[in-house]
């Protein structure tokens, strides 16, 4: 599925998210106030959500378009619906 994703963008985003998670872990060890930790958790969650949007957009632009144009349109729509449901459950 690499062809349907902006892999460089995703790798860059995920590296930042990994850094955020590691920073949160350090904050816990350093006894940083809970409010600050929660703020960073929220930021990491938002960043992960954005990464999901990038994947979903690539899926729509490549896989769904290709499936509708050259494959089984009904099956493609069914699969896209499942993808959207999975993404919605992340939130």
PDB file of N, CA and C in Angstrom:
ATOM      1  N   UNK A   1       0.795  -1.199   0.000  1.00  0.00           N
ATOM      2  CA  UNK A   1       0.000   0.000   0.000  1.00  0.00           C
ATOM      3  C   UNK A   1       0.843   1.271   0.000  1.00  0.00           C
ATOM      4  N   UNK A   2       2.142   1.126  -0.139  1.00  0.00           N
ATOM      5  CA  UNK A   2       3.001   2.312  -0.153  1.00  0.00           C
ATOM      6  C   UNK A   2       2.620   3.291  -1.258  1.00  0.00           C
ATOM      7  N   UNK A   3       2.124   2.777  -2.365  1.00  0.00           N
ATOM      8  CA  UNK A   3       1.811   3.656  -3.484  1.00  0.00           C
ATOM      9  C   UNK A   3       0.656   4.600  -3.180  1.00  0.00           C
ATOM     10  N   UNK A   4      -0.157   4.297  -2.174  1.00  0.00           N
ATOM     11  CA  UNK A   4      -1.303   5.163  -1.899  1.00  0.00           C
ATOM     12  C   UNK A   4      -1.033   6.144  -0.761  1.00  0.00           C
ATOM     13  N   UNK A   5       0.165   6.110  -0.208  1.00  0.00           N
ATOM     14  CA  UNK A   5       0.467   6.988   0.926  1.00  0.00           C
ATOM     15  C   UNK A   5       1.656   7.874   0.627  1.00  0.00           C
ATOM     16  N   UNK A   6       1.658   9.010   1.256  1.00  0.00           N
ATOM     17  CA  UNK A   6       2.812   9.899   1.235  1.00  0.00           C
ATOM     18  C   UNK A   6       3.728   9.407   2.362  1.00  0.00           C
ATOM     19  N   UNK A   7       4.549   8.397   2.036  1.00  0.00           N
ATOM     20  CA  UNK A   7       5.326   7.723   3.082  1.00  0.00           C
ATOM     21  C   UNK A   7       6.327   8.653   3.769  1.00  0.00           C
ATOM     22  N   UNK A   8       6.939   9.556   3.020  1.00  0.00           N
ATOM     23  CA  UNK A   8       7.889  10.484   3.652  1.00  0.00           C
ATOM     24  C   UNK A   8       7.185  11.337   4.691  1.00  0.00           C
ATOM     25  N   UNK A   9       6.042  11.865   4.329  1.00  0.00           N
ATOM     26  CA  UNK A   9       5.251  12.681   5.241  1.00  0.00           C
ATOM     27  C   UNK A   9       4.857  11.862   6.472  1.00  0.00           C
ATOM     28  N   UNK A  10       4.393  10.634   6.254  1.00  0.00           N
ATOM     29  CA  UNK A  10       3.985   9.794   7.380  1.00  0.00           C
ATOM     30  C   UNK A  10       5.153   9.441   8.286  1.00  0.00           C
ATOM     31  N   UNK A  11       6.286   9.083   7.709  1.00  0.00           N
ATOM     32  CA  UNK A  11       7.463   8.761   8.528  1.00  0.00           C
ATOM     33  C   UNK A  11       7.894   9.964   9.365  1.00  0.00           C
ATOM     34  N   UNK A  12       7.849  11.128   8.765  1.00  0.00           N
ATOM     35  CA  UNK A  12       8.217  12.345   9.486  1.00  0.00           C
ATOM     36  C   UNK A  12       7.238  12.611  10.634  1.00  0.00           C
ATOM     37  N   UNK A  13       5.962  12.480  10.357  1.00  0.00           N
ATOM     38  CA  UNK A  13       4.942  12.677  11.392  1.00  0.00           C
ATOM     39  C   UNK A  13       5.096  11.663  12.526  1.00  0.00           C
ATOM     40  N   UNK A  14       5.299  10.407  12.154  1.00  0.00           N
ATOM     41  CA  UNK A  14       5.423   9.360  13.173  1.00  0.00           C
ATOM     42  C   UNK A  14       6.681   9.541  14.016  1.00  0.00           C
ATOM     43  N   UNK A  15       7.750   9.993  13.409  1.00  0.00           N
ATOM     44  CA  UNK A  15       8.970  10.254  14.191  1.00  0.00           C
ATOM     45  C   UNK A  15       8.715  11.346  15.226  1.00  0.00           C
ATOM     46  N   UNK A  16       7.971  12.374  14.840  1.00  0.00           N
ATOM     47  CA  UNK A  16       7.633  13.441  15.783  1.00  0.00           C
ATOM     48  C   UNK A  16       6.740  12.910  16.909  1.00  0.00           C
ATOM     49  N   UNK A  17       5.792  12.059  16.546  1.00  0.00           N
ATOM     50  CA  UNK A  17       4.891  11.479  17.547  1.00  0.00           C
ATOM     51  C   UNK A  17       5.675  10.607  18.518  1.00  0.00           C
ATOM     52  N   UNK A  18       6.593   9.827  18.007  1.00  0.00           N
ATOM     53  CA  UNK A  18       7.442   8.998  18.878  1.00  0.00           C
ATOM     54  C   UNK A  18       8.210   9.889  19.849  1.00  0.00           C
ATOM     55  N   UNK A  19       8.741  11.001  19.337  1.00  0.00           N
ATOM     56  CA  UNK A  19       9.441  11.954  20.203  1.00  0.00           C
ATOM     57  C   UNK A  19       8.515  12.532  21.259  1.00  0.00           C
ATOM     58  N   UNK A  20       7.285  12.836  20.871  1.00  0.00           N
ATOM     59  CA  UNK A  20       6.316  13.359  21.840  1.00  0.00           C
ATOM     60  C   UNK A  20       6.030  12.338  22.936  1.00  0.00           C
ATOM     61  N   UNK A  21       5.848  11.097  22.555  1.00  0.00           N
ATOM     62  CA  UNK A  21       5.554  10.045  23.530  1.00  0.00           C
ATOM     63  C   UNK A  21       6.738   9.851  24.473  1.00  0.00           C
ATOM     64  N   UNK A  22       7.935   9.872  23.930  1.00  0.00           N
ATOM     65  CA  UNK A  22       9.123   9.743  24.779  1.00  0.00           C
ATOM     66  C   UNK A  22       9.234  10.923  25.741  1.00  0.00           C
ATOM     67  N   UNK A  23       8.887  12.107  25.264  1.00  0.00           N
ATOM     68  CA  UNK A  23       8.916  13.291  26.133  1.00  0.00           C
ATOM     69  C   UNK A  23       7.878  13.169  27.246  1.00  0.00           C
ATOM     70  N   UNK A  24       6.723  12.630  26.926  1.00  0.00           N
ATOM     71  CA  UNK A  24       5.693  12.411  27.951  1.00  0.00           C
ATOM     72  C   UNK A  24       6.214  11.444  29.005  1.00  0.00           C
ATOM     73  N   UNK A  25       6.854  10.401  28.563  1.00  0.00           N
ATOM     74  CA  UNK A  25       7.423   9.424  29.497  1.00  0.00           C
ATOM     75  C   UNK A  25       8.443  10.087  30.425  1.00  0.00           C
ATOM     76  N   UNK A  26       9.277  10.956  29.848  1.00  0.00           N
ATOM     77  CA  UNK A  26      10.259  11.677  30.682  1.00  0.00           C
ATOM     78  C   UNK A  26       9.559  12.618  31.660  1.00  0.00           C
ATOM     79  N   UNK A  27       8.480  13.250  31.200  1.00  0.00           N
ATOM     80  CA  UNK A  27       7.735  14.157  32.075  1.00  0.00           C
ATOM     81  C   UNK A  27       7.207  13.419  33.306  1.00  0.00           C
ATOM     82  N   UNK A  28       6.752  12.211  33.093  1.00  0.00           N
ATOM     83  CA  UNK A  28       6.248  11.407  34.208  1.00  0.00           C
ATOM     84  C   UNK A  28       7.372  11.129  35.201  1.00  0.00           C
ATOM     85  N   UNK A  29       8.532  10.777  34.690  1.00  0.00           N
ATOM     86  CA  UNK A  29       9.682  10.500  35.550  1.00  0.00           C
ATOM     87  C   UNK A  29      10.145  11.755  36.284  1.00  0.00           C
ATOM     88  N   UNK A  30       9.976  12.910  35.666  1.00  0.00           N
ATOM     89  CA  UNK A  30      10.425  14.172  36.267  1.00  0.00           C
ATOM     90  C   UNK A  30       9.361  14.793  37.176  1.00  0.00           C
ATOM     91  N   UNK A  31       8.260  14.091  37.358  1.00  0.00           N
ATOM     92  CA  UNK A  31       7.183  14.542  38.247  1.00  0.00           C
ATOM     93  C   UNK A  31       6.610  15.896  37.811  1.00  0.00           C
ATOM     94  N   UNK A  32       6.406  16.034  36.512  1.00  0.00           N
ATOM     95  CA  UNK A  32       5.805  17.242  35.942  1.00  0.00           C
ATOM     96  C   UNK A  32       4.311  17.243  36.301  1.00  0.00           C
ATOM     97  N   UNK A  33       3.716  18.403  36.518  1.00  0.00           N
ATOM     98  CA  UNK A  33       2.289  18.459  36.878  1.00  0.00           C
ATOM     99  C   UNK A  33       1.393  17.730  35.862  1.00  0.00           C
ATOM    100  N   UNK A  34       0.358  17.109  36.402  1.00  0.00           N
ATOM    101  CA  UNK A  34      -0.563  16.306  35.584  1.00  0.00           C
ATOM    102  C   UNK A  34      -1.158  17.101  34.427  1.00  0.00           C
ATOM    103  N   UNK A  35      -1.483  18.356  34.672  1.00  0.00           N
ATOM    104  CA  UNK A  35      -2.099  19.177  33.624  1.00  0.00           C
ATOM    105  C   UNK A  35      -1.172  19.311  32.420  1.00  0.00           C
ATOM    106  N   UNK A  36       0.115  19.460  32.686  1.00  0.00           N
ATOM    107  CA  UNK A  36       1.090  19.579  31.597  1.00  0.00           C
ATOM    108  C   UNK A  36       1.223  18.266  30.834  1.00  0.00           C
ATOM    109  N   UNK A  37       1.197  17.173  31.561  1.00  0.00           N
ATOM    110  CA  UNK A  37       1.288  15.855  30.919  1.00  0.00           C
ATOM    111  C   UNK A  37       0.054  15.621  30.049  1.00  0.00           C
ATOM    112  N   UNK A  38      -1.111  15.952  30.581  1.00  0.00           N
ATOM    113  CA  UNK A  38      -2.346  15.781  29.808  1.00  0.00           C
ATOM    114  C   UNK A  38      -2.342  16.638  28.550  1.00  0.00           C
ATOM    115  N   UNK A  39      -1.789  17.815  28.650  1.00  0.00           N
ATOM    116  CA  UNK A  39      -1.684  18.692  27.489  1.00  0.00           C
ATOM    117  C   UNK A  39      -0.826  18.042  26.405  1.00  0.00           C
ATOM    118  N   UNK A  40       0.267  17.438  26.811  1.00  0.00           N
ATOM    119  CA  UNK A  40       1.154  16.782  25.842  1.00  0.00           C
ATOM    120  C   UNK A  40       0.521  15.512  25.278  1.00  0.00           C
ATOM    121  N   UNK A  41      -0.236  14.796  26.097  1.00  0.00           N
ATOM    122  CA  UNK A  41      -0.950  13.621  25.599  1.00  0.00           C
ATOM    123  C   UNK A  41      -1.962  14.048  24.538  1.00  0.00           C
ATOM    124  N   UNK A  42      -2.659  15.149  24.803  1.00  0.00           N
ATOM    125  CA  UNK A  42      -3.617  15.667  23.836  1.00  0.00           C
ATOM    126  C   UNK A  42      -2.928  16.047  22.528  1.00  0.00           C
ATOM    127  N   UNK A  43      -1.781  16.669  22.626  1.00  0.00           N
ATOM    128  CA  UNK A  43      -1.036  17.061  21.422  1.00  0.00           C
ATOM    129  C   UNK A  43      -0.606  15.827  20.628  1.00  0.00           C
ATOM    130  N   UNK A  44      -0.136  14.789  21.320  1.00  0.00           N
ATOM    131  CA  UNK A  44       0.283  13.565  20.642  1.00  0.00           C
ATOM    132  C   UNK A  44      -0.916  12.882  19.980  1.00  0.00           C
ATOM    133  N   UNK A  45      -2.042  12.882  20.678  1.00  0.00           N
ATOM    134  CA  UNK A  45      -3.255  12.289  20.110  1.00  0.00           C
ATOM    135  C   UNK A  45      -3.683  13.039  18.851  1.00  0.00           C
ATOM    136  N   UNK A  46      -3.615  14.363  18.882  1.00  0.00           N
ATOM    137  CA  UNK A  46      -3.962  15.163  17.708  1.00  0.00           C
ATOM    138  C   UNK A  46      -3.017  14.876  16.548  1.00  0.00           C
ATOM    139  N   UNK A  47      -1.747  14.738  16.854  1.00  0.00           N
ATOM    140  CA  UNK A  47      -0.760  14.442  15.814  1.00  0.00           C
ATOM    141  C   UNK A  47      -1.013  13.065  15.206  1.00  0.00           C
ATOM    142  N   UNK A  48      -1.369  12.103  16.032  1.00  0.00           N
ATOM    143  CA  UNK A  48      -1.671  10.761  15.535  1.00  0.00           C
ATOM    144  C   UNK A  48      -2.943  10.782  14.687  1.00  0.00           C
ATOM    145  N   UNK A  49      -3.907  11.573  15.110  1.00  0.00           N
ATOM    146  CA  UNK A  49      -5.134  11.736  14.334  1.00  0.00           C
ATOM    147  C   UNK A  49      -4.825  12.314  12.957  1.00  0.00           C
ATOM    148  N   UNK A  50      -3.959  13.300  12.901  1.00  0.00           N
ATOM    149  CA  UNK A  50      -3.580  13.905  11.621  1.00  0.00           C
ATOM    150  C   UNK A  50      -2.870  12.883  10.729  1.00  0.00           C
ATOM    151  N   UNK A  51      -2.039  12.049  11.322  1.00  0.00           N
ATOM    152  CA  UNK A  51      -1.384  10.994  10.548  1.00  0.00           C
ATOM    153  C   UNK A  51      -2.440  10.058   9.957  1.00  0.00           C
ATOM    154  N   UNK A  52      -3.466   9.753  10.727  1.00  0.00           N
ATOM    155  CA  UNK A  52      -4.561   8.929  10.223  1.00  0.00           C
ATOM    156  C   UNK A  52      -5.279   9.594   9.072  1.00  0.00           C
ATOM    157  N   UNK A  53      -5.445  10.909   9.148  1.00  0.00           N
ATOM    158  CA  UNK A  53      -6.073  11.646   8.053  1.00  0.00           C
ATOM    159  C   UNK A  53      -5.247  11.537   6.774  1.00  0.00           C
ATOM    160  N   UNK A  54      -3.932  11.600   6.920  1.00  0.00           N
ATOM    161  CA  UNK A  54      -3.044  11.476   5.758  1.00  0.00           C
ATOM    162  C   UNK A  54      -3.216  10.096   5.111  1.00  0.00           C
ATOM    163  N   UNK A  55      -3.289   9.050   5.938  1.00  0.00           N
ATOM    164  CA  UNK A  55      -3.478   7.690   5.419  1.00  0.00           C
ATOM    165  C   UNK A  55      -4.835   7.578   4.736  1.00  0.00           C
ATOM    166  N   UNK A  56      -5.873   8.079   5.386  1.00  0.00           N
ATOM    167  CA  UNK A  56      -7.220   7.996   4.825  1.00  0.00           C
ATOM    168  C   UNK A  56      -7.326   8.763   3.505  1.00  0.00           C
ATOM    169  N   UNK A  57      -6.707   9.921   3.441  1.00  0.00           N
ATOM    170  CA  UNK A  57      -6.720  10.710   2.207  1.00  0.00           C
ATOM    171  C   UNK A  57      -6.020   9.959   1.076  1.00  0.00           C
ATOM    172  N   UNK A  58      -4.867   9.372   1.377  1.00  0.00           N
ATOM    173  CA  UNK A  58      -4.161   8.589   0.368  1.00  0.00           C
ATOM    174  C   UNK A  58      -4.966   7.386  -0.087  1.00  0.00           C
ATOM    175  N   UNK A  59      -5.643   6.757   0.863  1.00  0.00           N
ATOM    176  CA  UNK A  59      -6.489   5.607   0.540  1.00  0.00           C
ATOM    177  C   UNK A  59      -7.602   6.023  -0.419  1.00  0.00           C
ATOM    178  N   UNK A  60      -8.209   7.153  -0.138  1.00  0.00           N
ATOM    179  CA  UNK A  60      -9.293   7.654  -0.977  1.00  0.00           C
ATOM    180  C   UNK A  60      -8.786   8.013  -2.375  1.00  0.00           C
ATOM    181  N   UNK A  61      -7.680   8.755  -2.430  1.00  0.00           N
ATOM    182  CA  UNK A  61      -7.166   9.229  -3.718  1.00  0.00           C
ATOM    183  C   UNK A  61      -6.628   8.105  -4.591  1.00  0.00           C
ATOM    184  N   UNK A  62      -6.084   7.058  -3.972  1.00  0.00           N
ATOM    185  CA  UNK A  62      -5.481   6.005  -4.778  1.00  0.00           C
ATOM    186  C   UNK A  62      -6.334   4.738  -4.803  1.00  0.00           C
ATOM    187  N   UNK A  63      -6.481   4.120  -3.661  1.00  0.00           N
ATOM    188  CA  UNK A  63      -7.132   2.809  -3.599  1.00  0.00           C
ATOM    189  C   UNK A  63      -8.608   2.873  -3.986  1.00  0.00           C
ATOM    190  N   UNK A  64      -9.314   3.846  -3.431  1.00  0.00           N
ATOM    191  CA  UNK A  64     -10.748   3.942  -3.731  1.00  0.00           C
ATOM    192  C   UNK A  64     -10.962   4.336  -5.191  1.00  0.00           C
ATOM    193  N   UNK A  65     -10.233   5.327  -5.645  1.00  0.00           N
ATOM    194  CA  UNK A  65     -10.369   5.735  -7.048  1.00  0.00           C
ATOM    195  C   UNK A  65     -10.075   4.562  -7.988  1.00  0.00           C
ATOM    196  N   UNK A  66      -8.973   3.871  -7.726  1.00  0.00           N
ATOM    197  CA  UNK A  66      -8.585   2.742  -8.566  1.00  0.00           C
ATOM    198  C   UNK A  66      -9.629   1.629  -8.504  1.00  0.00           C
ATOM    199  N   UNK A  67     -10.144   1.353  -7.308  1.00  0.00           N
ATOM    200  CA  UNK A  67     -11.150   0.305  -7.156  1.00  0.00           C
ATOM    201  C   UNK A  67     -12.443   0.616  -7.881  1.00  0.00           C
ATOM    202  N   UNK A  68     -12.831   1.874  -7.864  1.00  0.00           N
ATOM    203  CA  UNK A  68     -14.060   2.267  -8.555  1.00  0.00           C
ATOM    204  C   UNK A  68     -13.853   2.249 -10.066  1.00  0.00           C
ATOM    205  N   UNK A  69     -12.689   2.734 -10.516  1.00  0.00           N
ATOM    206  CA  UNK A  69     -12.438   2.813 -11.955  1.00  0.00           C
ATOM    207  C   UNK A  69     -12.123   1.459 -12.585  1.00  0.00           C
ATOM    208  N   UNK A  70     -11.416   0.583 -11.845  1.00  0.00           N
ATOM    209  CA  UNK A  70     -10.928  -0.656 -12.464  1.00  0.00           C
ATOM    210  C   UNK A  70     -11.355  -1.930 -11.743  1.00  0.00           C
ATOM    211  N   UNK A  71     -12.098  -1.798 -10.702  1.00  0.00           N
ATOM    212  CA  UNK A  71     -12.443  -2.984  -9.927  1.00  0.00           C
ATOM    213  C   UNK A  71     -13.924  -3.062  -9.648  1.00  0.00           C
ATOM    214  N   UNK A  72     -14.227  -3.581  -8.488  1.00  0.00           N
ATOM    215  CA  UNK A  72     -15.605  -3.753  -8.036  1.00  0.00           C
ATOM    216  C   UNK A  72     -15.992  -2.532  -7.207  1.00  0.00           C
ATOM    217  N   UNK A  73     -16.790  -1.655  -7.779  1.00  0.00           N
ATOM    218  CA  UNK A  73     -17.147  -0.397  -7.125  1.00  0.00           C
ATOM    219  C   UNK A  73     -17.865  -0.641  -5.803  1.00  0.00           C
ATOM    220  N   UNK A  74     -18.781  -1.598  -5.765  1.00  0.00           N
ATOM    221  CA  UNK A  74     -19.524  -1.863  -4.524  1.00  0.00           C
ATOM    222  C   UNK A  74     -18.587  -2.350  -3.418  1.00  0.00           C
ATOM    223  N   UNK A  75     -17.682  -3.239  -3.753  1.00  0.00           N
ATOM    224  CA  UNK A  75     -16.722  -3.759  -2.765  1.00  0.00           C
ATOM    225  C   UNK A  75     -15.790  -2.641  -2.320  1.00  0.00           C
ATOM    226  N   UNK A  76     -15.377  -1.796  -3.236  1.00  0.00           N
ATOM    227  CA  UNK A  76     -14.495  -0.675  -2.912  1.00  0.00           C
ATOM    228  C   UNK A  76     -15.175   0.271  -1.934  1.00  0.00           C
ATOM    229  N   UNK A  77     -16.425   0.586  -2.181  1.00  0.00           N
ATOM    230  CA  UNK A  77     -17.176   1.473  -1.289  1.00  0.00           C
ATOM    231  C   UNK A  77     -17.344   0.820   0.081  1.00  0.00           C
ATOM    232  N   UNK A  78     -17.627  -0.473   0.094  1.00  0.00           N
ATOM    233  CA  UNK A  78     -17.754  -1.202   1.362  1.00  0.00           C
ATOM    234  C   UNK A  78     -16.445  -1.135   2.156  1.00  0.00           C
ATOM    235  N   UNK A  79     -15.322  -1.353   1.470  1.00  0.00           N
ATOM    236  CA  UNK A  79     -14.014  -1.290   2.142  1.00  0.00           C
ATOM    237  C   UNK A  79     -13.709   0.120   2.629  1.00  0.00           C
ATOM    238  N   UNK A  80     -14.068   1.120   1.846  1.00  0.00           N
ATOM    239  CA  UNK A  80     -13.829   2.493   2.265  1.00  0.00           C
ATOM    240  C   UNK A  80     -14.671   2.835   3.499  1.00  0.00           C
ATOM    241  N   UNK A  81     -15.895   2.368   3.510  1.00  0.00           N
ATOM    242  CA  UNK A  81     -16.763   2.591   4.668  1.00  0.00           C
ATOM    243  C   UNK A  81     -16.127   2.000   5.923  1.00  0.00           C
ATOM    244  N   UNK A  82     -15.561   0.804   5.809  1.00  0.00           N
ATOM    245  CA  UNK A  82     -14.883   0.170   6.947  1.00  0.00           C
ATOM    246  C   UNK A  82     -13.683   1.007   7.389  1.00  0.00           C
ATOM    247  N   UNK A  83     -12.941   1.519   6.423  1.00  0.00           N
ATOM    248  CA  UNK A  83     -11.767   2.343   6.752  1.00  0.00           C
ATOM    249  C   UNK A  83     -12.188   3.602   7.506  1.00  0.00           C
ATOM    250  N   UNK A  84     -13.249   4.243   7.046  1.00  0.00           N
ATOM    251  CA  UNK A  84     -13.742   5.448   7.715  1.00  0.00           C
ATOM    252  C   UNK A  84     -14.219   5.114   9.122  1.00  0.00           C
ATOM    253  N   UNK A  85     -14.908   4.001   9.290  1.00  0.00           N
ATOM    254  CA  UNK A  85     -15.370   3.586  10.621  1.00  0.00           C
ATOM    255  C   UNK A  85     -14.180   3.359  11.560  1.00  0.00           C
ATOM    256  N   UNK A  86     -13.143   2.712  11.072  1.00  0.00           N
ATOM    257  CA  UNK A  86     -11.951   2.474  11.898  1.00  0.00           C
ATOM    258  C   UNK A  86     -11.289   3.788  12.290  1.00  0.00           C
ATOM    259  N   UNK A  87     -11.209   4.692  11.330  1.00  0.00           N
ATOM    260  CA  UNK A  87     -10.612   6.003  11.622  1.00  0.00           C
ATOM    261  C   UNK A  87     -11.460   6.758  12.635  1.00  0.00           C
ATOM    262  N   UNK A  88     -12.768   6.711  12.477  1.00  0.00           N
ATOM    263  CA  UNK A  88     -13.665   7.408  13.404  1.00  0.00           C
ATOM    264  C   UNK A  88     -13.525   6.847  14.822  1.00  0.00           C
ATOM    265  N   UNK A  89     -13.269   5.564  14.944  1.00  0.00           N
ATOM    266  CA  UNK A  89     -13.098   4.940  16.268  1.00  0.00           C
ATOM    267  C   UNK A  89     -11.815   5.399  16.958  1.00  0.00           C
ATOM    268  N   UNK A  90     -10.867   5.926  16.197  1.00  0.00           N
ATOM    269  CA  UNK A  90      -9.619   6.437  16.783  1.00  0.00           C
ATOM    270  C   UNK A  90      -9.895   7.679  17.626  1.00  0.00           C
ATOM    271  N   UNK A  91     -10.918   8.392  17.274  1.00  0.00           N
ATOM    272  CA  UNK A  91     -11.153   9.684  17.867  1.00  0.00           C
ATOM    273  C   UNK A  91     -11.846   9.554  19.149  1.00  0.00           C
TER     274      UNK A  91
END
